[in-house]
Amino acid sequence: AAKDGFKAVEYLFPYDFPAAELKTRLDENGLTQALFNAPPG
């Protein structure tokens, strides 16, 4: 996404991955986390 020019990302759920790992991906690519969903059941 960063390579294509996006500066932010969203997705449904982050919970399959440790938050720190996702944060690393954001920081490495200069991205802002715009939105995700609360656990849906």
Full PDB file with SEQRES, HELIX, SHEET, SSBOND, CRYST1, ORIGX, SCALE, CONECT and MASTER records, all heavy atoms in Angstrom:
SEQRES   1 A   41  ALA ALA LYS ASP GLY PHE LYS ALA VAL GLU TYR LEU PHE          
SEQRES   2 A   41  PRO TYR ASP PHE PRO ALA ALA GLU LEU LYS THR ARG LEU          
SEQRES   3 A   41  ASP GLU ASN GLY LEU THR GLN ALA LEU PHE ASN ALA PRO          
SEQRES   4 A   41  PRO GLY                                                      
HELIX    1 AA1 ALA A   19  GLU A   28  1                                  10    
SHEET    1 AA1 2 ALA A   8  GLU A  10  0                                        
SHEET    2 AA1 2 THR A  32  LEU A  35  1                                        
CRYST1    1.000    1.000    1.000  90.00  90.00  90.00 P 1           1          
ORIGX1      1.000000  0.000000  0.000000        0.00000                         
ORIGX2      0.000000  1.000000  0.000000        0.00000                         
ORIGX3      0.000000  0.000000  1.000000        0.00000                         
SCALE1      1.000000  0.000000  0.000000        0.00000                         
SCALE2      0.000000  1.000000  0.000000        0.00000                         
SCALE3      0.000000  0.000000  1.000000        0.00000                         
ATOM      1  N   ALA A   1       0.829  -1.207   0.000  1.00  0.00           N  
ATOM      2  CA  ALA A   1       0.000   0.000   0.000  1.00  0.00           C  
ATOM      3  C   ALA A   1       0.863   1.257   0.000  1.00  0.00           C  
ATOM      4  O   ALA A   1       0.586   2.224  -0.722  1.00  0.00           O  
ATOM      5  CB  ALA A   1      -0.933  -0.012   1.201  1.00  0.00           C  
ATOM      6  N   ALA A   2       1.914   1.261   0.810  1.00  0.00           N  
ATOM      7  CA  ALA A   2       2.800   2.423   0.863  1.00  0.00           C  
ATOM      8  C   ALA A   2       3.478   2.649  -0.485  1.00  0.00           C  
ATOM      9  O   ALA A   2       3.636   3.796  -0.933  1.00  0.00           O  
ATOM     10  CB  ALA A   2       3.833   2.238   1.963  1.00  0.00           C  
ATOM     11  N   LYS A   3       3.883   1.585  -1.131  1.00  0.00           N  
ATOM     12  CA  LYS A   3       4.542   1.698  -2.434  1.00  0.00           C  
ATOM     13  C   LYS A   3       3.629   2.351  -3.455  1.00  0.00           C  
ATOM     14  O   LYS A   3       4.091   3.094  -4.346  1.00  0.00           O  
ATOM     15  CB  LYS A   3       4.979   0.313  -2.915  1.00  0.00           C  
ATOM     16  CG  LYS A   3       5.743   0.326  -4.222  1.00  0.00           C  
ATOM     17  CD  LYS A   3       6.192  -1.084  -4.606  1.00  0.00           C  
ATOM     18  CE  LYS A   3       6.955  -1.070  -5.928  1.00  0.00           C  
ATOM     19  NZ  LYS A   3       7.381  -2.441  -6.326  1.00  0.00           N  
ATOM     20  N   ASP A   4       2.330   2.129  -3.341  1.00  0.00           N  
ATOM     21  CA  ASP A   4       1.371   2.720  -4.272  1.00  0.00           C  
ATOM     22  C   ASP A   4       0.959   4.138  -3.892  1.00  0.00           C  
ATOM     23  O   ASP A   4       0.124   4.744  -4.576  1.00  0.00           O  
ATOM     24  CB  ASP A   4       0.125   1.841  -4.367  1.00  0.00           C  
ATOM     25  CG  ASP A   4       0.341   0.620  -5.257  1.00  0.00           C  
ATOM     26  OD1 ASP A   4       1.222   0.674  -6.134  1.00  0.00           O  
ATOM     27  OD2 ASP A   4      -0.376  -0.383  -5.064  1.00  0.00           O  
ATOM     28  N   GLY A   5       1.504   4.664  -2.800  1.00  0.00           N  
ATOM     29  CA  GLY A   5       1.240   6.044  -2.442  1.00  0.00           C  
ATOM     30  C   GLY A   5       0.279   6.268  -1.303  1.00  0.00           C  
ATOM     31  O   GLY A   5       0.027   7.419  -0.914  1.00  0.00           O  
ATOM     32  N   PHE A   6      -0.281   5.200  -0.739  1.00  0.00           N  
ATOM     33  CA  PHE A   6      -1.162   5.377   0.417  1.00  0.00           C  
ATOM     34  C   PHE A   6      -0.361   5.822   1.629  1.00  0.00           C  
ATOM     35  O   PHE A   6       0.765   5.361   1.859  1.00  0.00           O  
ATOM     36  CB  PHE A   6      -1.888   4.070   0.745  1.00  0.00           C  
ATOM     37  CG  PHE A   6      -3.026   3.744  -0.179  1.00  0.00           C  
ATOM     38  CD1 PHE A   6      -2.885   2.795  -1.187  1.00  0.00           C  
ATOM     39  CD2 PHE A   6      -4.247   4.388  -0.044  1.00  0.00           C  
ATOM     40  CE1 PHE A   6      -3.932   2.490  -2.042  1.00  0.00           C  
ATOM     41  CE2 PHE A   6      -5.310   4.080  -0.891  1.00  0.00           C  
ATOM     42  CZ  PHE A   6      -5.148   3.134  -1.897  1.00  0.00           C  
ATOM     43  N   LYS A   7      -0.962   6.686   2.426  1.00  0.00           N  
ATOM     44  CA  LYS A   7      -0.353   7.151   3.671  1.00  0.00           C  
ATOM     45  C   LYS A   7      -1.054   6.597   4.904  1.00  0.00           C  
ATOM     46  O   LYS A   7      -0.624   6.854   6.040  1.00  0.00           O  
ATOM     47  CB  LYS A   7      -0.386   8.685   3.738  1.00  0.00           C  
ATOM     48  CG  LYS A   7       0.325   9.367   2.576  1.00  0.00           C  
ATOM     49  CD  LYS A   7       1.793   9.000   2.519  1.00  0.00           C  
ATOM     50  CE  LYS A   7       2.505   9.733   1.387  1.00  0.00           C  
ATOM     51  NZ  LYS A   7       3.930   9.310   1.253  1.00  0.00           N  
ATOM     52  N   ALA A   8      -2.130   5.846   4.677  1.00  0.00           N  
ATOM     53  CA  ALA A   8      -2.897   5.289   5.793  1.00  0.00           C  
ATOM     54  C   ALA A   8      -3.527   3.968   5.364  1.00  0.00           C  
ATOM     55  O   ALA A   8      -3.726   3.712   4.169  1.00  0.00           O  
ATOM     56  CB  ALA A   8      -3.982   6.260   6.252  1.00  0.00           C  
ATOM     57  N   VAL A   9      -3.842   3.146   6.368  1.00  0.00           N  
ATOM     58  CA  VAL A   9      -4.508   1.868   6.112  1.00  0.00           C  
ATOM     59  C   VAL A   9      -5.618   1.652   7.132  1.00  0.00           C  
ATOM     60  O   VAL A   9      -5.622   2.245   8.215  1.00  0.00           O  
ATOM     61  CB  VAL A   9      -3.522   0.678   6.173  1.00  0.00           C  
ATOM     62  CG1 VAL A   9      -2.475   0.798   5.075  1.00  0.00           C  
ATOM     63  CG2 VAL A   9      -2.860   0.564   7.536  1.00  0.00           C  
ATOM     64  N   GLU A  10      -6.545   0.803   6.757  1.00  0.00           N  
ATOM     65  CA  GLU A  10      -7.571   0.301   7.659  1.00  0.00           C  
ATOM     66  C   GLU A  10      -7.742  -1.177   7.345  1.00  0.00           C  
ATOM     67  O   GLU A  10      -7.224  -1.687   6.353  1.00  0.00           O  
ATOM     68  CB  GLU A  10      -8.893   1.057   7.470  1.00  0.00           C  
ATOM     69  CG  GLU A  10      -9.495   0.881   6.071  1.00  0.00           C  
ATOM     70  CD  GLU A  10     -10.848   1.559   5.910  1.00  0.00           C  
ATOM     71  OE1 GLU A  10     -11.029   2.678   6.431  1.00  0.00           O  
ATOM     72  OE2 GLU A  10     -11.725   0.956   5.262  1.00  0.00           O  
ATOM     73  N   TYR A  11      -8.454  -1.887   8.205  1.00  0.00           N  
ATOM     74  CA  TYR A  11      -8.787  -3.288   7.972  1.00  0.00           C  
ATOM     75  C   TYR A  11      -9.849  -3.672   8.973  1.00  0.00           C  
ATOM     76  O   TYR A  11     -10.169  -2.901   9.892  1.00  0.00           O  
ATOM     77  CB  TYR A  11      -7.563  -4.203   8.077  1.00  0.00           C  
ATOM     78  CG  TYR A  11      -6.576  -3.849   9.165  1.00  0.00           C  
ATOM     79  CD1 TYR A  11      -6.856  -4.082  10.498  1.00  0.00           C  
ATOM     80  CD2 TYR A  11      -5.342  -3.277   8.842  1.00  0.00           C  
ATOM     81  CE1 TYR A  11      -5.945  -3.760  11.495  1.00  0.00           C  
ATOM     82  CE2 TYR A  11      -4.426  -2.947   9.829  1.00  0.00           C  
ATOM     83  CZ  TYR A  11      -4.734  -3.193  11.149  1.00  0.00           C  
ATOM     84  OH  TYR A  11      -3.835  -2.862  12.140  1.00  0.00           O  
ATOM     85  N   LEU A  12     -10.407  -4.865   8.793  1.00  0.00           N  
ATOM     86  CA  LEU A  12     -11.471  -5.273   9.705  1.00  0.00           C  
ATOM     87  C   LEU A  12     -10.951  -5.493  11.121  1.00  0.00           C  
ATOM     88  O   LEU A  12     -11.401  -4.841  12.062  1.00  0.00           O  
ATOM     89  CB  LEU A  12     -12.157  -6.541   9.188  1.00  0.00           C  
ATOM     90  CG  LEU A  12     -13.042  -6.394   7.954  1.00  0.00           C  
ATOM     91  CD1 LEU A  12     -13.713  -7.726   7.621  1.00  0.00           C  
ATOM     92  CD2 LEU A  12     -14.082  -5.303   8.137  1.00  0.00           C  
ATOM     93  N   PHE A  13      -9.996  -6.425  11.271  1.00  0.00           N  
ATOM     94  CA  PHE A  13      -9.601  -6.828  12.623  1.00  0.00           C  
ATOM     95  C   PHE A  13      -8.082  -6.998  12.720  1.00  0.00           C  
ATOM     96  O   PHE A  13      -7.475  -7.584  11.829  1.00  0.00           O  
ATOM     97  CB  PHE A  13     -10.272  -8.154  13.002  1.00  0.00           C  
ATOM     98  CG  PHE A  13     -11.754  -8.169  12.747  1.00  0.00           C  
ATOM     99  CD1 PHE A  13     -12.304  -8.960  11.745  1.00  0.00           C  
ATOM    100  CD2 PHE A  13     -12.598  -7.380  13.502  1.00  0.00           C  
ATOM    101  CE1 PHE A  13     -13.662  -8.976  11.497  1.00  0.00           C  
ATOM    102  CE2 PHE A  13     -13.961  -7.376  13.271  1.00  0.00           C  
ATOM    103  CZ  PHE A  13     -14.505  -8.170  12.269  1.00  0.00           C  
ATOM    104  N   PRO A  14      -7.479  -6.557  13.812  1.00  0.00           N  
ATOM    105  CA  PRO A  14      -6.039  -6.738  14.011  1.00  0.00           C  
ATOM    106  C   PRO A  14      -5.678  -7.917  14.894  1.00  0.00           C  
ATOM    107  O   PRO A  14      -4.496  -8.197  15.100  1.00  0.00           O  
ATOM    108  CB  PRO A  14      -5.658  -5.438  14.729  1.00  0.00           C  
ATOM    109  CG  PRO A  14      -6.852  -5.149  15.596  1.00  0.00           C  
ATOM    110  CD  PRO A  14      -8.055  -5.622  14.797  1.00  0.00           C  
ATOM    111  N   TYR A  15      -6.643  -8.654  15.411  1.00  0.00           N  
ATOM    112  CA  TYR A  15      -6.418  -9.480  16.594  1.00  0.00           C  
ATOM    113  C   TYR A  15      -5.670 -10.783  16.338  1.00  0.00           C  
ATOM    114  O   TYR A  15      -5.278 -11.465  17.284  1.00  0.00           O  
ATOM    115  CB  TYR A  15      -7.762  -9.752  17.293  1.00  0.00           C  
ATOM    116  CG  TYR A  15      -8.547  -8.469  17.488  1.00  0.00           C  
ATOM    117  CD1 TYR A  15      -9.705  -8.211  16.749  1.00  0.00           C  
ATOM    118  CD2 TYR A  15      -8.079  -7.477  18.354  1.00  0.00           C  
ATOM    119  CE1 TYR A  15     -10.399  -7.020  16.897  1.00  0.00           C  
ATOM    120  CE2 TYR A  15      -8.765  -6.283  18.496  1.00  0.00           C  
ATOM    121  CZ  TYR A  15      -9.922  -6.053  17.762  1.00  0.00           C  
ATOM    122  OH  TYR A  15     -10.585  -4.867  17.906  1.00  0.00           O  
ATOM    123  N   ASP A  16      -5.441 -11.112  15.069  1.00  0.00           N  
ATOM    124  CA  ASP A  16      -4.643 -12.298  14.763  1.00  0.00           C  
ATOM    125  C   ASP A  16      -3.145 -12.040  14.905  1.00  0.00           C  
ATOM    126  O   ASP A  16      -2.351 -12.985  14.808  1.00  0.00           O  
ATOM    127  CB  ASP A  16      -4.931 -12.793  13.340  1.00  0.00           C  
ATOM    128  CG  ASP A  16      -6.291 -13.467  13.210  1.00  0.00           C  
ATOM    129  OD1 ASP A  16      -6.847 -13.876  14.247  1.00  0.00           O  
ATOM    130  OD2 ASP A  16      -6.781 -13.573  12.068  1.00  0.00           O  
ATOM    131  N   PHE A  17      -2.767 -10.794  15.128  1.00  0.00           N  
ATOM    132  CA  PHE A  17      -1.353 -10.422  15.196  1.00  0.00           C  
ATOM    133  C   PHE A  17      -1.096  -9.596  16.450  1.00  0.00           C  
ATOM    134  O   PHE A  17      -1.961  -8.839  16.891  1.00  0.00           O  
ATOM    135  CB  PHE A  17      -0.957  -9.601  13.959  1.00  0.00           C  
ATOM    136  CG  PHE A  17      -1.213 -10.301  12.664  1.00  0.00           C  
ATOM    137  CD1 PHE A  17      -2.406 -10.101  11.978  1.00  0.00           C  
ATOM    138  CD2 PHE A  17      -0.279 -11.175  12.132  1.00  0.00           C  
ATOM    139  CE1 PHE A  17      -2.661 -10.750  10.777  1.00  0.00           C  
ATOM    140  CE2 PHE A  17      -0.520 -11.824  10.932  1.00  0.00           C  
ATOM    141  CZ  PHE A  17      -1.711 -11.619  10.265  1.00  0.00           C  
ATOM    142  N   PRO A  18       0.090  -9.702  17.027  1.00  0.00           N  
ATOM    143  CA  PRO A  18       0.427  -8.833  18.155  1.00  0.00           C  
ATOM    144  C   PRO A  18       0.410  -7.371  17.710  1.00  0.00           C  
ATOM    145  O   PRO A  18       0.843  -7.034  16.599  1.00  0.00           O  
ATOM    146  CB  PRO A  18       1.846  -9.275  18.538  1.00  0.00           C  
ATOM    147  CG  PRO A  18       2.009 -10.636  17.941  1.00  0.00           C  
ATOM    148  CD  PRO A  18       1.180 -10.648  16.699  1.00  0.00           C  
ATOM    149  N   ALA A  19      -0.070  -6.510  18.577  1.00  0.00           N  
ATOM    150  CA  ALA A  19      -0.147  -5.088  18.237  1.00  0.00           C  
ATOM    151  C   ALA A  19       1.225  -4.533  17.883  1.00  0.00           C  
ATOM    152  O   ALA A  19       1.360  -3.702  16.975  1.00  0.00           O  
ATOM    153  CB  ALA A  19      -0.762  -4.311  19.398  1.00  0.00           C  
ATOM    154  N   ALA A  20       2.261  -4.977  18.580  1.00  0.00           N  
ATOM    155  CA  ALA A  20       3.607  -4.462  18.327  1.00  0.00           C  
ATOM    156  C   ALA A  20       4.071  -4.805  16.917  1.00  0.00           C  
ATOM    157  O   ALA A  20       4.771  -4.004  16.273  1.00  0.00           O  
ATOM    158  CB  ALA A  20       4.587  -5.010  19.358  1.00  0.00           C  
ATOM    159  N   GLU A  21       3.688  -5.976  16.419  1.00  0.00           N  
ATOM    160  CA  GLU A  21       4.086  -6.367  15.071  1.00  0.00           C  
ATOM    161  C   GLU A  21       3.404  -5.489  14.028  1.00  0.00           C  
ATOM    162  O   GLU A  21       4.023  -5.057  13.040  1.00  0.00           O  
ATOM    163  CB  GLU A  21       3.761  -7.836  14.828  1.00  0.00           C  
ATOM    164  CG  GLU A  21       4.270  -8.371  13.499  1.00  0.00           C  
ATOM    165  CD  GLU A  21       4.165  -9.873  13.395  1.00  0.00           C  
ATOM    166  OE1 GLU A  21       3.492 -10.490  14.246  1.00  0.00           O  
ATOM    167  OE2 GLU A  21       4.766 -10.430  12.466  1.00  0.00           O  
ATOM    168  N   LEU A  22       2.132  -5.200  14.232  1.00  0.00           N  
ATOM    169  CA  LEU A  22       1.417  -4.316  13.324  1.00  0.00           C  
ATOM    170  C   LEU A  22       1.988  -2.902  13.377  1.00  0.00           C  
ATOM    171  O   LEU A  22       2.126  -2.240  12.336  1.00  0.00           O  
ATOM    172  CB  LEU A  22      -0.066  -4.303  13.676  1.00  0.00           C  
ATOM    173  CG  LEU A  22      -0.798  -5.638  13.539  1.00  0.00           C  
ATOM    174  CD1 LEU A  22      -2.209  -5.527  14.093  1.00  0.00           C  
ATOM    175  CD2 LEU A  22      -0.829  -6.095  12.089  1.00  0.00           C  
ATOM    176  N   LYS A  23       2.322  -2.434  14.557  1.00  0.00           N  
ATOM    177  CA  LYS A  23       2.913  -1.112  14.701  1.00  0.00           C  
ATOM    178  C   LYS A  23       4.238  -1.020  13.952  1.00  0.00           C  
ATOM    179  O   LYS A  23       4.544   0.006  13.317  1.00  0.00           O  
ATOM    180  CB  LYS A  23       3.111  -0.807  16.188  1.00  0.00           C  
ATOM    181  CG  LYS A  23       3.804   0.524  16.487  1.00  0.00           C  
ATOM    182  CD  LYS A  23       2.995   1.709  16.013  1.00  0.00           C  
ATOM    183  CE  LYS A  23       3.617   3.015  16.527  1.00  0.00           C  
ATOM    184  NZ  LYS A  23       2.982   4.206  15.883  1.00  0.00           N  
ATOM    185  N   THR A  24       5.021  -2.070  13.997  1.00  0.00           N  
ATOM    186  CA  THR A  24       6.283  -2.084  13.256  1.00  0.00           C  
ATOM    187  C   THR A  24       6.025  -1.927  11.764  1.00  0.00           C  
ATOM    188  O   THR A  24       6.728  -1.166  11.075  1.00  0.00           O  
ATOM    189  CB  THR A  24       7.046  -3.387  13.533  1.00  0.00           C  
ATOM    190  OG1 THR A  24       7.413  -3.426  14.917  1.00  0.00           O  
ATOM    191  CG2 THR A  24       8.303  -3.474  12.678  1.00  0.00           C  
ATOM    192  N   ARG A  25       5.033  -2.626  11.241  1.00  0.00           N  
ATOM    193  CA  ARG A  25       4.710  -2.519   9.814  1.00  0.00           C  
ATOM    194  C   ARG A  25       4.247  -1.111   9.459  1.00  0.00           C  
ATOM    195  O   ARG A  25       4.582  -0.584   8.389  1.00  0.00           O  
ATOM    196  CB  ARG A  25       3.632  -3.534   9.429  1.00  0.00           C  
ATOM    197  CG  ARG A  25       4.014  -4.975   9.696  1.00  0.00           C  
ATOM    198  CD  ARG A  25       5.107  -5.475   8.771  1.00  0.00           C  
ATOM    199  NE  ARG A  25       5.588  -6.791   9.150  1.00  0.00           N  
ATOM    200  CZ  ARG A  25       5.965  -7.727   8.293  1.00  0.00           C  
ATOM    201  NH1 ARG A  25       5.928  -7.492   6.996  1.00  0.00           N  
ATOM    202  NH2 ARG A  25       6.410  -8.891   8.732  1.00  0.00           N  
ATOM    203  N   LEU A  26       3.465  -0.500  10.324  1.00  0.00           N  
ATOM    204  CA  LEU A  26       3.046   0.883  10.094  1.00  0.00           C  
ATOM    205  C   LEU A  26       4.252   1.817  10.052  1.00  0.00           C  
ATOM    206  O   LEU A  26       4.410   2.624   9.127  1.00  0.00           O  
ATOM    207  CB  LEU A  26       2.083   1.331  11.195  1.00  0.00           C  
ATOM    208  CG  LEU A  26       0.705   0.671  11.236  1.00  0.00           C  
ATOM    209  CD1 LEU A  26      -0.008   1.031  12.539  1.00  0.00           C  
ATOM    210  CD2 LEU A  26      -0.151   1.088  10.044  1.00  0.00           C  
ATOM    211  N   ASP A  27       5.104   1.706  11.040  1.00  0.00           N  
ATOM    212  CA  ASP A  27       6.240   2.617  11.145  1.00  0.00           C  
ATOM    213  C   ASP A  27       7.242   2.418  10.011  1.00  0.00           C  
ATOM    214  O   ASP A  27       7.781   3.398   9.466  1.00  0.00           O  
ATOM    215  CB  ASP A  27       6.942   2.437  12.498  1.00  0.00           C  
ATOM    216  CG  ASP A  27       6.094   2.911  13.666  1.00  0.00           C  
ATOM    217  OD1 ASP A  27       5.085   3.610  13.419  1.00  0.00           O  
ATOM    218  OD2 ASP A  27       6.426   2.565  14.814  1.00  0.00           O  
ATOM    219  N   GLU A  28       7.505   1.178   9.659  1.00  0.00           N  
ATOM    220  CA  GLU A  28       8.460   0.898   8.585  1.00  0.00           C  
ATOM    221  C   GLU A  28       8.021   1.496   7.253  1.00  0.00           C  
ATOM    222  O   GLU A  28       8.871   1.828   6.401  1.00  0.00           O  
ATOM    223  CB  GLU A  28       8.640  -0.611   8.420  1.00  0.00           C  
ATOM    224  CG  GLU A  28       9.441  -1.284   9.518  1.00  0.00           C  
ATOM    225  CD  GLU A  28       9.543  -2.784   9.341  1.00  0.00           C  
ATOM    226  OE1 GLU A  28       8.774  -3.347   8.517  1.00  0.00           O  
ATOM    227  OE2 GLU A  28      10.379  -3.400  10.016  1.00  0.00           O  
ATOM    228  N   ASN A  29       6.725   1.662   7.084  1.00  0.00           N  
ATOM    229  CA  ASN A  29       6.191   2.120   5.807  1.00  0.00           C  
ATOM    230  C   ASN A  29       5.575   3.516   5.868  1.00  0.00           C  
ATOM    231  O   ASN A  29       4.950   3.959   4.902  1.00  0.00           O  
ATOM    232  CB  ASN A  29       5.155   1.111   5.303  1.00  0.00           C  
ATOM    233  CG  ASN A  29       5.778  -0.227   4.976  1.00  0.00           C  
ATOM    234  OD1 ASN A  29       6.504  -0.359   3.997  1.00  0.00           O  
ATOM    235  ND2 ASN A  29       5.537  -1.229   5.831  1.00  0.00           N  
ATOM    236  N   GLY A  30       5.767   4.209   6.992  1.00  0.00           N  
ATOM    237  CA  GLY A  30       5.271   5.573   7.120  1.00  0.00           C  
ATOM    238  C   GLY A  30       3.769   5.685   7.027  1.00  0.00           C  
ATOM    239  O   GLY A  30       3.231   6.646   6.455  1.00  0.00           O  
ATOM    240  N   LEU A  31       3.061   4.718   7.597  1.00  0.00           N  
ATOM    241  CA  LEU A  31       1.615   4.654   7.491  1.00  0.00           C  
ATOM    242  C   LEU A  31       0.921   5.008   8.802  1.00  0.00           C  
ATOM    243  O   LEU A  31       1.428   4.727   9.885  1.00  0.00           O  
ATOM    244  CB  LEU A  31       1.186   3.241   7.082  1.00  0.00           C  
ATOM    245  CG  LEU A  31       1.584   2.787   5.674  1.00  0.00           C  
ATOM    246  CD1 LEU A  31       1.375   1.289   5.526  1.00  0.00           C  
ATOM    247  CD2 LEU A  31       0.792   3.546   4.617  1.00  0.00           C  
ATOM    248  N   THR A  32      -0.263   5.579   8.672  1.00  0.00           N  
ATOM    249  CA  THR A  32      -1.158   5.844   9.797  1.00  0.00           C  
ATOM    250  C   THR A  32      -2.248   4.788   9.826  1.00  0.00           C  
ATOM    251  O   THR A  32      -2.786   4.401   8.782  1.00  0.00           O  
ATOM    252  CB  THR A  32      -1.804   7.233   9.649  1.00  0.00           C  
ATOM    253  OG1 THR A  32      -0.792   8.239   9.712  1.00  0.00           O  
ATOM    254  CG2 THR A  32      -2.834   7.488  10.751  1.00  0.00           C  
ATOM    255  N   GLN A  33      -2.566   4.315  11.020  1.00  0.00           N  
ATOM    256  CA  GLN A  33      -3.700   3.402  11.185  1.00  0.00           C  
ATOM    257  C   GLN A  33      -4.964   4.246  11.295  1.00  0.00           C  
ATOM    258  O   GLN A  33      -5.145   4.993  12.253  1.00  0.00           O  
ATOM    259  CB  GLN A  33      -3.523   2.554  12.438  1.00  0.00           C  
ATOM    260  CG  GLN A  33      -4.627   1.535  12.661  1.00  0.00           C  
ATOM    261  CD  GLN A  33      -4.575   0.397  11.658  1.00  0.00           C  
ATOM    262  OE1 GLN A  33      -3.533  -0.185  11.424  1.00  0.00           O  
ATOM    263  NE2 GLN A  33      -5.712   0.092  11.054  1.00  0.00           N  
ATOM    264  N   ALA A  34      -5.852   4.137  10.306  1.00  0.00           N  
ATOM    265  CA  ALA A  34      -7.030   4.992  10.244  1.00  0.00           C  
ATOM    266  C   ALA A  34      -8.231   4.416  10.985  1.00  0.00           C  
ATOM    267  O   ALA A  34      -9.033   5.163  11.549  1.00  0.00           O  
ATOM    268  CB  ALA A  34      -7.413   5.249   8.785  1.00  0.00           C  
ATOM    269  N   LEU A  35      -8.370   3.089  10.970  1.00  0.00           N  
ATOM    270  CA  LEU A  35      -9.595   2.472  11.501  1.00  0.00           C  
ATOM    271  C   LEU A  35      -9.408   0.979  11.608  1.00  0.00           C  
ATOM    272  O   LEU A  35      -8.702   0.374  10.796  1.00  0.00           O  
ATOM    273  CB  LEU A  35     -10.768   2.757  10.543  1.00  0.00           C  
ATOM    274  CG  LEU A  35     -12.117   2.095  10.855  1.00  0.00           C  
ATOM    275  CD1 LEU A  35     -12.913   2.952  11.832  1.00  0.00           C  
ATOM    276  CD2 LEU A  35     -12.934   1.872   9.577  1.00  0.00           C  
ATOM    277  N   PHE A  36     -10.005   0.373  12.625  1.00  0.00           N  
ATOM    278  CA  PHE A  36     -10.270  -1.066  12.631  1.00  0.00           C  
ATOM    279  C   PHE A  36     -11.519  -1.304  13.456  1.00  0.00           C  
ATOM    280  O   PHE A  36     -12.083  -0.378  14.041  1.00  0.00           O  
ATOM    281  CB  PHE A  36      -9.064  -1.883  13.124  1.00  0.00           C  
ATOM    282  CG  PHE A  36      -8.630  -1.620  14.543  1.00  0.00           C  
ATOM    283  CD1 PHE A  36      -9.276  -2.213  15.615  1.00  0.00           C  
ATOM    284  CD2 PHE A  36      -7.552  -0.781  14.800  1.00  0.00           C  
ATOM    285  CE1 PHE A  36      -8.874  -1.985  16.914  1.00  0.00           C  
ATOM    286  CE2 PHE A  36      -7.134  -0.543  16.103  1.00  0.00           C  
ATOM    287  CZ  PHE A  36      -7.797  -1.146  17.167  1.00  0.00           C  
ATOM    288  N   ASN A  37     -11.976  -2.556  13.478  1.00  0.00           N  
ATOM    289  CA  ASN A  37     -13.232  -2.904  14.151  1.00  0.00           C  
ATOM    290  C   ASN A  37     -12.977  -3.505  15.524  1.00  0.00           C  
ATOM    291  O   ASN A  37     -12.002  -4.242  15.722  1.00  0.00           O  
ATOM    292  CB  ASN A  37     -14.015  -3.925  13.328  1.00  0.00           C  
ATOM    293  CG  ASN A  37     -14.510  -3.374  12.007  1.00  0.00           C  
ATOM    294  OD1 ASN A  37     -14.299  -2.212  11.683  1.00  0.00           O  
ATOM    295  ND2 ASN A  37     -15.161  -4.225  11.233  1.00  0.00           N  
ATOM    296  N   ALA A  38     -13.893  -3.268  16.430  1.00  0.00           N  
ATOM    297  CA  ALA A  38     -13.899  -3.976  17.703  1.00  0.00           C  
ATOM    298  C   ALA A  38     -14.207  -5.450  17.456  1.00  0.00           C  
ATOM    299  O   ALA A  38     -14.781  -5.820  16.422  1.00  0.00           O  
ATOM    300  CB  ALA A  38     -14.933  -3.369  18.645  1.00  0.00           C  
ATOM    301  N   PRO A  39     -13.849  -6.336  18.369  1.00  0.00           N  
ATOM    302  CA  PRO A  39     -14.165  -7.758  18.184  1.00  0.00           C  
ATOM    303  C   PRO A  39     -15.656  -7.968  17.891  1.00  0.00           C  
ATOM    304  O   PRO A  39     -16.515  -7.391  18.565  1.00  0.00           O  
ATOM    305  CB  PRO A  39     -13.759  -8.375  19.525  1.00  0.00           C  
ATOM    306  CG  PRO A  39     -12.642  -7.499  20.012  1.00  0.00           C  
ATOM    307  CD  PRO A  39     -13.054  -6.106  19.600  1.00  0.00           C  
ATOM    308  N   PRO A  40     -15.978  -8.796  16.883  1.00  0.00           N  
ATOM    309  CA  PRO A  40     -17.356  -8.906  16.395  1.00  0.00           C  
ATOM    310  C   PRO A  40     -18.132 -10.093  16.922  1.00  0.00           C  
ATOM    311  O   PRO A  40     -19.212 -10.395  16.402  1.00  0.00           O  
ATOM    312  CB  PRO A  40     -17.146  -9.062  14.894  1.00  0.00           C  
ATOM    313  CG  PRO A  40     -15.918  -9.927  14.824  1.00  0.00           C  
ATOM    314  CD  PRO A  40     -15.037  -9.506  15.994  1.00  0.00           C  
ATOM    315  N   GLY A  41     -17.617 -10.814  17.907  1.00  0.00           N  
ATOM    316  CA  GLY A  41     -18.218 -12.085  18.259  1.00  0.00           C  
ATOM    317  C   GLY A  41     -17.602 -13.190  17.416  1.00  0.00           C  
ATOM    318  O   GLY A  41     -16.439 -13.110  17.014  1.00  0.00           O  
TER     319      GLY A  41                                                      
MASTER        0    0    0    1    2    0    0    6  318    1    0    4          
END                                                                             
